[in-house]
Amino acid sequence: MFTPNPSATIASGSQPQPMDVHQDVQQIVGLLGNLMPLLLRLQSQPQPFQGGPGNAMGPNPALDHQAAENLIADMSAHALRMLSSYLEANAGRHAGLQNSVPIVTQAAQRYAARDYAEAFNLIWLAYRAIETIRATDPQLPPLRGGPAPVDQTSSSIH
């Protein structure tokens, strides 16, 4: 399995500018903030399961924050495992993917440091880089393991 190299650094030109990272993190926070009213609305509706002793399902900002942090940590861990497996399987055959390895390495470092916002941002940058490469290389498989997209400009049926 691909294991991020802690000594690797992002290649010049690949590292986002601090203001860009800040804006990206703010967008993520905004999206998650927009999700909270929906979750609270769903939470206020009658539910078949109302929690354990003391009905812990009521509004509680501290619990909401902890749950959101755990959710982002779990999503990030899953994405890092998937990216690592993907790069291990494909980076040797598709040279353009080598530029994604340092991004995933840095994301793993930020995750290990419990900087989930920055880890999530770097994971997004890795996904975007891979999708950019896939747009020019139809033979590169998708991250989710499905078939490679069909090249619409040529037909394999003769």
N, C-alpha and C. Protein backbone atom coordinates (compact mmCIF):
# COMPACT_ATOMS: atom_id res chain seq x y z
N MET A 1 0.83 -1.18 0.00
CA MET A 1 0.00 0.00 0.00
C MET A 1 0.87 1.24 0.00
N PHE A 2 0.48 2.26 -0.71
CA PHE A 2 1.21 3.51 -0.75
C PHE A 2 1.24 4.12 0.63
N THR A 3 2.40 4.43 1.13
CA THR A 3 2.54 5.09 2.41
C THR A 3 3.16 6.45 2.17
N PRO A 4 2.43 7.54 2.53
CA PRO A 4 2.98 8.86 2.29
C PRO A 4 4.34 9.02 2.96
N ASN A 5 5.26 9.66 2.25
CA ASN A 5 6.60 9.90 2.73
C ASN A 5 6.61 11.21 3.51
N PRO A 6 6.81 11.17 4.83
CA PRO A 6 6.77 12.40 5.61
C PRO A 6 7.80 13.43 5.21
N SER A 7 8.89 13.03 4.55
CA SER A 7 9.91 14.01 4.18
C SER A 7 9.62 14.67 2.84
N ALA A 8 8.58 14.20 2.14
CA ALA A 8 8.25 14.78 0.83
C ALA A 8 7.62 16.15 1.02
N THR A 9 7.82 17.00 0.03
CA THR A 9 7.21 18.32 0.06
C THR A 9 6.46 18.52 -1.24
N ILE A 10 5.53 19.45 -1.23
CA ILE A 10 4.77 19.74 -2.44
C ILE A 10 5.69 20.43 -3.43
N ALA A 11 5.64 19.96 -4.68
CA ALA A 11 6.47 20.54 -5.74
C ALA A 11 6.10 22.00 -5.94
N SER A 12 7.08 22.79 -6.29
CA SER A 12 6.78 24.20 -6.50
C SER A 12 5.75 24.35 -7.60
N GLY A 13 4.84 25.28 -7.37
CA GLY A 13 3.75 25.47 -8.31
C GLY A 13 2.53 24.67 -7.93
N SER A 14 2.68 23.59 -7.16
CA SER A 14 1.54 22.80 -6.74
C SER A 14 0.98 23.28 -5.41
N GLN A 15 1.82 23.94 -4.62
CA GLN A 15 1.38 24.36 -3.30
C GLN A 15 0.48 25.58 -3.42
N PRO A 16 -0.70 25.53 -2.79
CA PRO A 16 -1.61 26.66 -2.87
C PRO A 16 -1.06 27.86 -2.11
N GLN A 17 -1.43 29.03 -2.56
CA GLN A 17 -1.05 30.24 -1.86
C GLN A 17 -1.84 30.31 -0.56
N PRO A 18 -1.28 30.90 0.52
CA PRO A 18 -1.98 30.93 1.80
C PRO A 18 -3.38 31.52 1.70
N MET A 19 -3.58 32.55 0.91
CA MET A 19 -4.91 33.14 0.80
C MET A 19 -5.87 32.17 0.13
N ASP A 20 -5.40 31.42 -0.87
CA ASP A 20 -6.25 30.44 -1.54
C ASP A 20 -6.67 29.35 -0.57
N VAL A 21 -5.74 28.86 0.24
CA VAL A 21 -6.05 27.83 1.22
C VAL A 21 -7.08 28.37 2.20
N HIS A 22 -6.87 29.58 2.66
CA HIS A 22 -7.80 30.19 3.61
C HIS A 22 -9.19 30.29 2.99
N GLN A 23 -9.26 30.71 1.75
CA GLN A 23 -10.56 30.83 1.08
C GLN A 23 -11.21 29.46 0.90
N ASP A 24 -10.42 28.46 0.55
CA ASP A 24 -10.95 27.11 0.38
C ASP A 24 -11.49 26.57 1.70
N VAL A 25 -10.73 26.77 2.77
CA VAL A 25 -11.16 26.31 4.09
C VAL A 25 -12.43 27.04 4.49
N GLN A 26 -12.50 28.33 4.20
CA GLN A 26 -13.70 29.09 4.53
C GLN A 26 -14.91 28.56 3.77
N GLN A 27 -14.71 28.15 2.51
CA GLN A 27 -15.81 27.57 1.74
C GLN A 27 -16.27 26.26 2.36
N ILE A 28 -15.33 25.43 2.79
CA ILE A 28 -15.68 24.17 3.42
C ILE A 28 -16.44 24.42 4.71
N VAL A 29 -15.93 25.35 5.52
CA VAL A 29 -16.61 25.69 6.77
C VAL A 29 -18.00 26.23 6.48
N GLY A 30 -18.13 27.06 5.45
CA GLY A 30 -19.44 27.59 5.08
C GLY A 30 -20.40 26.50 4.67
N LEU A 31 -19.92 25.53 3.88
CA LEU A 31 -20.77 24.42 3.47
C LEU A 31 -21.21 23.58 4.67
N LEU A 32 -20.27 23.32 5.57
CA LEU A 32 -20.63 22.56 6.76
C LEU A 32 -21.56 23.36 7.65
N GLY A 33 -21.34 24.68 7.73
CA GLY A 33 -22.23 25.54 8.50
C GLY A 33 -23.63 25.54 7.94
N ASN A 34 -23.76 25.49 6.62
CA ASN A 34 -25.07 25.43 6.00
C ASN A 34 -25.76 24.09 6.25
N LEU A 35 -24.97 23.06 6.51
CA LEU A 35 -25.52 21.75 6.77
C LEU A 35 -26.11 21.66 8.18
N MET A 36 -25.57 22.41 9.12
CA MET A 36 -26.02 22.33 10.51
C MET A 36 -27.50 22.66 10.67
N PRO A 37 -28.07 23.72 10.07
CA PRO A 37 -29.51 23.96 10.24
C PRO A 37 -30.36 22.78 9.77
N LEU A 38 -29.95 22.16 8.68
CA LEU A 38 -30.68 20.99 8.20
C LEU A 38 -30.61 19.86 9.21
N LEU A 39 -29.43 19.61 9.74
CA LEU A 39 -29.28 18.56 10.74
C LEU A 39 -30.10 18.87 11.99
N LEU A 40 -30.09 20.13 12.41
CA LEU A 40 -30.87 20.51 13.58
C LEU A 40 -32.37 20.35 13.33
N ARG A 41 -32.81 20.69 12.12
CA ARG A 41 -34.22 20.53 11.78
C ARG A 41 -34.61 19.06 11.81
N LEU A 42 -33.76 18.21 11.23
CA LEU A 42 -34.03 16.77 11.26
C LEU A 42 -34.02 16.25 12.69
N GLN A 43 -33.13 16.80 13.48
CA GLN A 43 -32.99 16.38 14.87
C GLN A 43 -34.22 16.75 15.69
N SER A 44 -34.89 17.85 15.35
CA SER A 44 -36.05 18.29 16.12
C SER A 44 -37.31 17.49 15.76
N GLN A 45 -37.28 16.76 14.66
CA GLN A 45 -38.42 15.94 14.29
C GLN A 45 -38.43 14.67 15.14
N PRO A 46 -39.62 14.10 15.36
CA PRO A 46 -39.68 12.86 16.14
C PRO A 46 -38.80 11.80 15.50
N GLN A 47 -38.04 11.14 16.32
CA GLN A 47 -37.09 10.14 15.85
C GLN A 47 -37.39 8.81 16.55
N PRO A 48 -37.19 7.70 15.84
CA PRO A 48 -37.44 6.41 16.48
C PRO A 48 -36.45 6.15 17.61
N PHE A 49 -35.25 6.69 17.52
CA PHE A 49 -34.24 6.50 18.56
C PHE A 49 -33.95 7.85 19.18
N GLN A 50 -34.19 7.98 20.46
CA GLN A 50 -34.01 9.26 21.14
C GLN A 50 -32.80 9.28 22.06
N GLY A 51 -31.88 8.37 21.87
CA GLY A 51 -30.66 8.40 22.67
C GLY A 51 -30.80 7.57 23.93
N GLY A 52 -29.76 7.60 24.71
CA GLY A 52 -29.71 6.81 25.93
C GLY A 52 -30.18 7.62 27.12
N PRO A 53 -29.64 7.34 28.27
CA PRO A 53 -30.03 8.03 29.50
C PRO A 53 -29.87 9.54 29.35
N GLY A 54 -30.87 10.26 29.80
CA GLY A 54 -30.80 11.72 29.75
C GLY A 54 -31.12 12.30 28.39
N ASN A 55 -31.52 11.49 27.42
CA ASN A 55 -31.85 11.96 26.08
C ASN A 55 -30.78 12.89 25.52
N ALA A 56 -29.65 12.35 25.19
CA ALA A 56 -28.50 13.11 24.69
C ALA A 56 -28.72 13.64 23.28
N MET A 57 -29.89 13.43 22.70
CA MET A 57 -30.12 13.83 21.32
C MET A 57 -30.56 15.29 21.18
N GLY A 58 -30.80 16.00 22.27
CA GLY A 58 -31.21 17.39 22.19
C GLY A 58 -30.08 18.27 21.70
N PRO A 59 -30.40 19.55 21.33
CA PRO A 59 -29.35 20.46 20.85
C PRO A 59 -28.25 20.64 21.90
N ASN A 60 -27.03 20.51 21.45
CA ASN A 60 -25.87 20.67 22.33
C ASN A 60 -24.70 21.09 21.46
N PRO A 61 -24.34 22.38 21.48
CA PRO A 61 -23.26 22.87 20.60
C PRO A 61 -21.94 22.13 20.78
N ALA A 62 -21.59 21.76 22.00
CA ALA A 62 -20.32 21.06 22.22
C ALA A 62 -20.36 19.68 21.56
N LEU A 63 -21.49 18.98 21.71
CA LEU A 63 -21.61 17.67 21.06
C LEU A 63 -21.66 17.81 19.54
N ASP A 64 -22.37 18.84 19.06
CA ASP A 64 -22.43 19.08 17.62
C ASP A 64 -21.04 19.32 17.05
N HIS A 65 -20.23 20.12 17.76
CA HIS A 65 -18.86 20.40 17.30
C HIS A 65 -18.03 19.11 17.28
N GLN A 66 -18.14 18.32 18.35
CA GLN A 66 -17.38 17.08 18.41
C GLN A 66 -17.81 16.11 17.32
N ALA A 67 -19.13 16.04 17.08
CA ALA A 67 -19.64 15.14 16.04
C ALA A 67 -19.15 15.60 14.66
N ALA A 68 -19.16 16.91 14.41
CA ALA A 68 -18.68 17.44 13.12
C ALA A 68 -17.20 17.15 12.95
N GLU A 69 -16.41 17.33 14.02
CA GLU A 69 -14.98 17.05 13.94
C GLU A 69 -14.73 15.57 13.67
N ASN A 70 -15.49 14.70 14.35
CA ASN A 70 -15.34 13.26 14.11
C ASN A 70 -15.75 12.88 12.69
N LEU A 71 -16.81 13.50 12.18
CA LEU A 71 -17.25 13.23 10.82
C LEU A 71 -16.16 13.60 9.82
N ILE A 72 -15.60 14.80 9.95
CA ILE A 72 -14.54 15.25 9.03
C ILE A 72 -13.31 14.35 9.16
N ALA A 73 -12.97 13.96 10.39
CA ALA A 73 -11.81 13.08 10.58
C ALA A 73 -12.04 11.74 9.89
N ASP A 74 -13.25 11.17 10.05
CA ASP A 74 -13.54 9.88 9.42
C ASP A 74 -13.55 9.99 7.89
N MET A 75 -14.16 11.07 7.38
CA MET A 75 -14.19 11.27 5.92
C MET A 75 -12.77 11.44 5.39
N SER A 76 -11.96 12.19 6.10
CA SER A 76 -10.59 12.41 5.66
C SER A 76 -9.78 11.12 5.69
N ALA A 77 -9.94 10.34 6.75
CA ALA A 77 -9.21 9.07 6.86
C ALA A 77 -9.58 8.14 5.70
N HIS A 78 -10.88 8.06 5.40
CA HIS A 78 -11.33 7.22 4.29
C HIS A 78 -10.74 7.72 2.97
N ALA A 79 -10.80 9.02 2.75
CA ALA A 79 -10.28 9.59 1.50
C ALA A 79 -8.78 9.38 1.39
N LEU A 80 -8.05 9.52 2.49
CA LEU A 80 -6.60 9.29 2.45
C LEU A 80 -6.27 7.84 2.11
N ARG A 81 -7.02 6.90 2.69
CA ARG A 81 -6.80 5.48 2.34
C ARG A 81 -7.07 5.24 0.87
N MET A 82 -8.16 5.81 0.36
CA MET A 82 -8.52 5.61 -1.03
C MET A 82 -7.48 6.25 -1.95
N LEU A 83 -7.05 7.47 -1.64
CA LEU A 83 -6.04 8.14 -2.46
C LEU A 83 -4.72 7.37 -2.44
N SER A 84 -4.33 6.89 -1.27
CA SER A 84 -3.08 6.13 -1.17
C SER A 84 -3.12 4.87 -2.02
N SER A 85 -4.22 4.12 -1.93
CA SER A 85 -4.37 2.90 -2.74
C SER A 85 -4.37 3.23 -4.23
N TYR A 86 -5.08 4.29 -4.58
CA TYR A 86 -5.18 4.71 -5.98
C TYR A 86 -3.80 5.07 -6.53
N LEU A 87 -3.05 5.87 -5.77
CA LEU A 87 -1.73 6.29 -6.25
C LEU A 87 -0.77 5.10 -6.30
N GLU A 88 -0.86 4.20 -5.35
CA GLU A 88 -0.01 3.02 -5.37
C GLU A 88 -0.27 2.19 -6.62
N ALA A 89 -1.53 2.07 -6.99
CA ALA A 89 -1.90 1.26 -8.15
C ALA A 89 -1.63 1.95 -9.48
N ASN A 90 -1.65 3.27 -9.53
CA ASN A 90 -1.63 3.96 -10.82
C ASN A 90 -0.47 4.92 -11.06
N ALA A 91 0.19 5.38 -10.04
CA ALA A 91 1.23 6.41 -10.23
C ALA A 91 2.40 5.89 -11.07
N GLY A 92 2.72 4.62 -11.00
CA GLY A 92 3.81 4.07 -11.79
C GLY A 92 3.51 4.02 -13.28
N ARG A 93 2.23 3.91 -13.63
CA ARG A 93 1.84 3.81 -15.04
C ARG A 93 1.41 5.15 -15.64
N HIS A 94 1.14 6.13 -14.80
CA HIS A 94 0.67 7.43 -15.27
C HIS A 94 1.52 8.51 -14.58
N ALA A 95 2.53 8.97 -15.29
CA ALA A 95 3.52 9.88 -14.71
C ALA A 95 2.91 11.13 -14.11
N GLY A 96 1.82 11.63 -14.66
CA GLY A 96 1.21 12.85 -14.14
C GLY A 96 0.74 12.72 -12.70
N LEU A 97 0.46 11.50 -12.28
CA LEU A 97 -0.01 11.29 -10.91
C LEU A 97 1.09 11.49 -9.87
N GLN A 98 2.34 11.43 -10.29
CA GLN A 98 3.44 11.63 -9.34
C GLN A 98 3.34 12.97 -8.61
N ASN A 99 2.77 13.97 -9.29
CA ASN A 99 2.62 15.29 -8.66
C ASN A 99 1.60 15.28 -7.53
N SER A 100 0.72 14.28 -7.51
CA SER A 100 -0.29 14.18 -6.45
C SER A 100 0.26 13.54 -5.18
N VAL A 101 1.33 12.78 -5.31
CA VAL A 101 1.89 12.08 -4.15
C VAL A 101 2.28 13.05 -3.03
N PRO A 102 3.01 14.14 -3.31
CA PRO A 102 3.36 15.05 -2.22
C PRO A 102 2.14 15.73 -1.58
N ILE A 103 1.10 15.96 -2.36
CA ILE A 103 -0.11 16.58 -1.81
C ILE A 103 -0.76 15.62 -0.81
N VAL A 104 -0.86 14.35 -1.18
CA VAL A 104 -1.45 13.34 -0.30
C VAL A 104 -0.55 13.14 0.92
N THR A 105 0.75 13.18 0.72
CA THR A 105 1.68 13.07 1.84
C THR A 105 1.46 14.19 2.84
N GLN A 106 1.36 15.40 2.34
CA GLN A 106 1.15 16.54 3.23
C GLN A 106 -0.23 16.44 3.89
N ALA A 107 -1.24 15.96 3.18
CA ALA A 107 -2.57 15.79 3.78
C ALA A 107 -2.50 14.78 4.93
N ALA A 108 -1.75 13.70 4.74
CA ALA A 108 -1.60 12.71 5.80
C ALA A 108 -0.88 13.31 7.00
N GLN A 109 0.10 14.15 6.75
CA GLN A 109 0.81 14.81 7.85
C GLN A 109 -0.13 15.74 8.62
N ARG A 110 -0.94 16.50 7.90
CA ARG A 110 -1.89 17.42 8.55
C ARG A 110 -2.94 16.62 9.33
N TYR A 111 -3.38 15.49 8.76
CA TYR A 111 -4.34 14.63 9.45
C TYR A 111 -3.73 14.11 10.75
N ALA A 112 -2.49 13.63 10.68
CA ALA A 112 -1.82 13.11 11.87
C ALA A 112 -1.67 14.19 12.94
N ALA A 113 -1.52 15.44 12.51
CA ALA A 113 -1.41 16.57 13.45
C ALA A 113 -2.79 17.05 13.92
N ARG A 114 -3.86 16.36 13.50
CA ARG A 114 -5.24 16.70 13.85
C ARG A 114 -5.67 18.05 13.29
N ASP A 115 -5.02 18.48 12.21
CA ASP A 115 -5.41 19.70 11.50
C ASP A 115 -6.34 19.25 10.38
N TYR A 116 -7.57 18.90 10.75
CA TYR A 116 -8.49 18.28 9.81
C TYR A 116 -8.93 19.23 8.70
N ALA A 117 -9.03 20.51 9.00
CA ALA A 117 -9.44 21.46 7.96
C ALA A 117 -8.39 21.51 6.84
N GLU A 118 -7.12 21.59 7.21
CA GLU A 118 -6.07 21.64 6.19
C GLU A 118 -5.93 20.29 5.49
N ALA A 119 -6.07 19.18 6.24
CA ALA A 119 -6.02 17.86 5.62
C ALA A 119 -7.14 17.73 4.59
N PHE A 120 -8.34 18.17 4.95
CA PHE A 120 -9.49 18.09 4.05
C PHE A 120 -9.24 18.93 2.81
N ASN A 121 -8.68 20.12 2.99
CA ASN A 121 -8.37 21.00 1.85
C ASN A 121 -7.34 20.34 0.92
N LEU A 122 -6.31 19.74 1.48
CA LEU A 122 -5.29 19.08 0.66
C LEU A 122 -5.85 17.84 -0.05
N ILE A 123 -6.74 17.13 0.61
CA ILE A 123 -7.39 15.99 -0.03
C ILE A 123 -8.18 16.48 -1.23
N TRP A 124 -8.90 17.58 -1.06
CA TRP A 124 -9.66 18.14 -2.18
C TRP A 124 -8.71 18.53 -3.32
N LEU A 125 -7.57 19.13 -2.99
CA LEU A 125 -6.60 19.49 -4.03
C LEU A 125 -6.09 18.25 -4.77
N ALA A 126 -5.89 17.15 -4.05
CA ALA A 126 -5.44 15.91 -4.69
C ALA A 126 -6.53 15.37 -5.62
N TYR A 127 -7.77 15.38 -5.15
CA TYR A 127 -8.88 14.93 -6.01
C TYR A 127 -8.94 15.79 -7.27
N ARG A 128 -8.82 17.09 -7.09
CA ARG A 128 -8.90 18.01 -8.24
C ARG A 128 -7.75 17.76 -9.22
N ALA A 129 -6.54 17.56 -8.67
CA ALA A 129 -5.39 17.28 -9.54
C ALA A 129 -5.61 15.99 -10.33
N ILE A 130 -6.12 14.97 -9.67
CA ILE A 130 -6.36 13.70 -10.35
C ILE A 130 -7.44 13.85 -11.42
N GLU A 131 -8.49 14.58 -11.13
CA GLU A 131 -9.54 14.80 -12.13
C GLU A 131 -9.01 15.62 -13.31
N THR A 132 -8.12 16.55 -13.05
CA THR A 132 -7.50 17.33 -14.13
C THR A 132 -6.68 16.41 -15.04
N ILE A 133 -5.93 15.52 -14.45
CA ILE A 133 -5.12 14.57 -15.22
C ILE A 133 -6.03 13.62 -16.00
N ARG A 134 -7.11 13.15 -15.36
CA ARG A 134 -8.05 12.25 -16.03
C ARG A 134 -8.73 12.93 -17.22
N ALA A 135 -8.91 14.25 -17.15
CA ALA A 135 -9.55 14.96 -18.26
C ALA A 135 -8.70 14.91 -19.52
N THR A 136 -7.39 14.77 -19.36
CA THR A 136 -6.50 14.71 -20.52
C THR A 136 -6.03 13.28 -20.83
N ASP A 137 -6.25 12.36 -19.91
CA ASP A 137 -5.81 10.98 -20.10
C ASP A 137 -6.99 10.03 -19.83
N PRO A 138 -7.78 9.71 -20.86
CA PRO A 138 -8.97 8.88 -20.65
C PRO A 138 -8.64 7.45 -20.21
N GLN A 139 -7.40 7.03 -20.28
CA GLN A 139 -7.03 5.69 -19.84
C GLN A 139 -6.85 5.61 -18.32
N LEU A 140 -6.75 6.75 -17.68
CA LEU A 140 -6.56 6.78 -16.22
C LEU A 140 -7.89 6.43 -15.56
N PRO A 141 -7.90 5.40 -14.71
CA PRO A 141 -9.16 4.99 -14.08
C PRO A 141 -9.64 6.04 -13.08
N PRO A 142 -10.95 6.05 -12.83
CA PRO A 142 -11.47 6.99 -11.84
C PRO A 142 -11.07 6.56 -10.43
N LEU A 143 -11.13 7.50 -9.52
CA LEU A 143 -10.78 7.22 -8.13
C LEU A 143 -11.67 6.15 -7.51
N ARG A 144 -12.90 6.10 -7.89
CA ARG A 144 -13.85 5.18 -7.26
C ARG A 144 -13.74 3.76 -7.79
N GLY A 145 -12.84 3.50 -8.69
CA GLY A 145 -12.60 2.13 -9.14
C GLY A 145 -13.48 1.65 -10.27
N GLY A 146 -14.29 2.52 -10.83
CA GLY A 146 -15.13 2.12 -11.96
C GLY A 146 -14.30 2.09 -13.23
N PRO A 147 -14.94 1.81 -14.34
CA PRO A 147 -14.20 1.77 -15.61
C PRO A 147 -13.74 3.15 -16.03
N ALA A 148 -12.70 3.19 -16.81
CA ALA A 148 -12.21 4.46 -17.34
C ALA A 148 -13.28 5.03 -18.26
N PRO A 149 -13.37 6.36 -18.34
CA PRO A 149 -14.39 6.95 -19.20
C PRO A 149 -14.14 6.60 -20.66
N VAL A 150 -15.22 6.47 -21.40
CA VAL A 150 -15.13 6.17 -22.83
C VAL A 150 -14.71 7.42 -23.57
N ASP A 151 -13.73 7.28 -24.44
CA ASP A 151 -13.28 8.42 -25.26
C ASP A 151 -14.33 8.67 -26.30
N GLN A 152 -14.99 9.80 -26.24
CA GLN A 152 -16.09 10.13 -27.13
C GLN A 152 -15.61 10.52 -28.54
N THR A 153 -14.31 10.78 -28.71
CA THR A 153 -13.81 11.24 -30.01
C THR A 153 -13.49 10.08 -30.95
N SER A 154 -13.32 8.90 -30.41
CA SER A 154 -13.04 7.77 -31.28
C SER A 154 -13.85 6.57 -30.81
N SER A 155 -14.09 5.66 -31.70
CA SER A 155 -14.89 4.49 -31.37
C SER A 155 -14.01 3.26 -31.47
N SER A 156 -14.20 2.35 -30.52
CA SER A 156 -13.44 1.10 -30.57
C SER A 156 -14.19 0.04 -31.36
N ILE A 157 -15.41 0.35 -31.79
CA ILE A 157 -16.19 -0.61 -32.59
C ILE A 157 -15.91 -0.34 -34.06
N HIS A 158 -15.49 -1.37 -34.76
CA HIS A 158 -15.18 -1.21 -36.19
C HIS A 158 -16.08 -2.07 -37.01
